[in-house]
């Protein structure tokens, strides 16, 4: 029951969607799409809406397994 097997997890998009560069290897992180993106302001003043970055080995109380087709 980790993020990597949750239906809300999208792998390999964290470094593309962050204001600051990811510190984890690209294959180890992703974004959680359980809740709507949040508005944030970068150091240069630009506003962006981002989903939270998560590590694929982490878990939370919102876990929902992928439903097989």
C-alpha atoms as a PDB file:
ATOM      1  CA  UNK A   1       0.000   0.000   0.000  1.00  0.00           C
ATOM      2  CA  UNK A   2       2.504   2.587  -1.192  1.00  0.00           C
ATOM      3  CA  UNK A   3       2.099   5.581  -3.490  1.00  0.00           C
ATOM      4  CA  UNK A   4       3.460   3.608  -6.449  1.00  0.00           C
ATOM      5  CA  UNK A   5       0.427   1.279  -6.379  1.00  0.00           C
ATOM      6  CA  UNK A   6      -2.170   3.972  -5.609  1.00  0.00           C
ATOM      7  CA  UNK A   7      -4.627   5.107  -8.274  1.00  0.00           C
ATOM      8  CA  UNK A   8      -3.874   8.771  -7.470  1.00  0.00           C
ATOM      9  CA  UNK A   9      -0.120   8.495  -8.157  1.00  0.00           C
ATOM     10  CA  UNK A  10       1.369   9.690 -11.449  1.00  0.00           C
ATOM     11  CA  UNK A  11       5.015   8.724 -11.877  1.00  0.00           C
ATOM     12  CA  UNK A  12       7.764  10.734 -13.562  1.00  0.00           C
ATOM     13  CA  UNK A  13       6.023  14.086 -13.589  1.00  0.00           C
ATOM     14  CA  UNK A  14       7.364  15.681 -10.415  1.00  0.00           C
ATOM     15  CA  UNK A  15      10.441  17.357 -11.853  1.00  0.00           C
ATOM     16  CA  UNK A  16       8.370  18.695 -14.757  1.00  0.00           C
ATOM     17  CA  UNK A  17       5.798  20.286 -12.449  1.00  0.00           C
ATOM     18  CA  UNK A  18       7.850  21.781  -9.642  1.00  0.00           C
ATOM     19  CA  UNK A  19       8.975  25.296  -8.960  1.00  0.00           C
ATOM     20  CA  UNK A  20      12.192  23.971  -7.411  1.00  0.00           C
ATOM     21  CA  UNK A  21      14.176  21.050  -8.874  1.00  0.00           C
ATOM     22  CA  UNK A  22      13.494  17.600  -7.446  1.00  0.00           C
ATOM     23  CA  UNK A  23      16.197  16.180  -5.185  1.00  0.00           C
ATOM     24  CA  UNK A  24      15.188  12.538  -5.753  1.00  0.00           C
ATOM     25  CA  UNK A  25      15.894  10.577  -8.957  1.00  0.00           C
ATOM     26  CA  UNK A  26      13.070  10.988 -11.479  1.00  0.00           C
ATOM     27  CA  UNK A  27      11.988   7.328 -11.167  1.00  0.00           C
ATOM     28  CA  UNK A  28      11.556   7.629  -7.382  1.00  0.00           C
ATOM     29  CA  UNK A  29       9.111  10.546  -7.368  1.00  0.00           C
ATOM     30  CA  UNK A  30       5.783  11.504  -8.850  1.00  0.00           C
ATOM     31  CA  UNK A  31       2.731  13.556  -8.018  1.00  0.00           C
ATOM     32  CA  UNK A  32      -0.376  12.771  -6.012  1.00  0.00           C
ATOM     33  CA  UNK A  33      -3.598  13.743  -7.758  1.00  0.00           C
ATOM     34  CA  UNK A  34      -5.939  12.886  -4.887  1.00  0.00           C
ATOM     35  CA  UNK A  35      -6.779  16.556  -4.273  1.00  0.00           C
ATOM     36  CA  UNK A  36      -6.849  19.561  -6.639  1.00  0.00           C
ATOM     37  CA  UNK A  37      -3.527  21.316  -7.315  1.00  0.00           C
ATOM     38  CA  UNK A  38      -2.485  24.129  -5.003  1.00  0.00           C
ATOM     39  CA  UNK A  39      -1.478  27.595  -6.061  1.00  0.00           C
ATOM     40  CA  UNK A  40       2.125  28.511  -5.249  1.00  0.00           C
ATOM     41  CA  UNK A  41       4.454  31.402  -6.019  1.00  0.00           C
ATOM     42  CA  UNK A  42       8.020  30.836  -7.228  1.00  0.00           C
ATOM     43  CA  UNK A  43      11.014  32.871  -6.066  1.00  0.00           C
ATOM     44  CA  UNK A  44      10.744  34.904  -9.278  1.00  0.00           C
ATOM     45  CA  UNK A  45       7.117  35.789  -8.533  1.00  0.00           C
ATOM     46  CA  UNK A  46       5.406  33.487 -11.037  1.00  0.00           C
ATOM     47  CA  UNK A  47       2.254  31.719  -9.898  1.00  0.00           C
ATOM     48  CA  UNK A  48       1.683  28.048 -10.699  1.00  0.00           C
ATOM     49  CA  UNK A  49      -0.780  25.366  -9.646  1.00  0.00           C
ATOM     50  CA  UNK A  50       0.958  22.171  -8.570  1.00  0.00           C
ATOM     51  CA  UNK A  51       0.048  18.748  -7.304  1.00  0.00           C
ATOM     52  CA  UNK A  52       2.121  17.669  -4.291  1.00  0.00           C
ATOM     53  CA  UNK A  53       5.304  15.727  -4.992  1.00  0.00           C
ATOM     54  CA  UNK A  54       5.484  12.319  -3.342  1.00  0.00           C
ATOM     55  CA  UNK A  55       8.039   9.524  -3.156  1.00  0.00           C
ATOM     56  CA  UNK A  56       6.790   6.292  -4.693  1.00  0.00           C
ATOM     57  CA  UNK A  57       7.675   4.291  -1.521  1.00  0.00           C
ATOM     58  CA  UNK A  58       5.623   6.521   0.819  1.00  0.00           C
ATOM     59  CA  UNK A  59       1.978   6.064   1.776  1.00  0.00           C
ATOM     60  CA  UNK A  60      -0.897   8.016   3.313  1.00  0.00           C
ATOM     61  CA  UNK A  61      -4.413   7.564   4.672  1.00  0.00           C
ATOM     62  CA  UNK A  62      -5.976   8.331   1.260  1.00  0.00           C
ATOM     63  CA  UNK A  63      -4.603   5.183  -0.444  1.00  0.00           C
ATOM     64  CA  UNK A  64      -6.846   3.571  -3.045  1.00  0.00           C
ATOM     65  CA  UNK A  65      -5.514   0.632  -5.007  1.00  0.00           C
ATOM     66  CA  UNK A  66      -5.694   0.578  -8.773  1.00  0.00           C
ATOM     67  CA  UNK A  67      -8.886  -1.112  -9.933  1.00  0.00           C
ATOM     68  CA  UNK A  68      -8.169  -3.901 -12.465  1.00  0.00           C
ATOM     69  CA  UNK A  69     -10.079  -3.630 -15.744  1.00  0.00           C
END
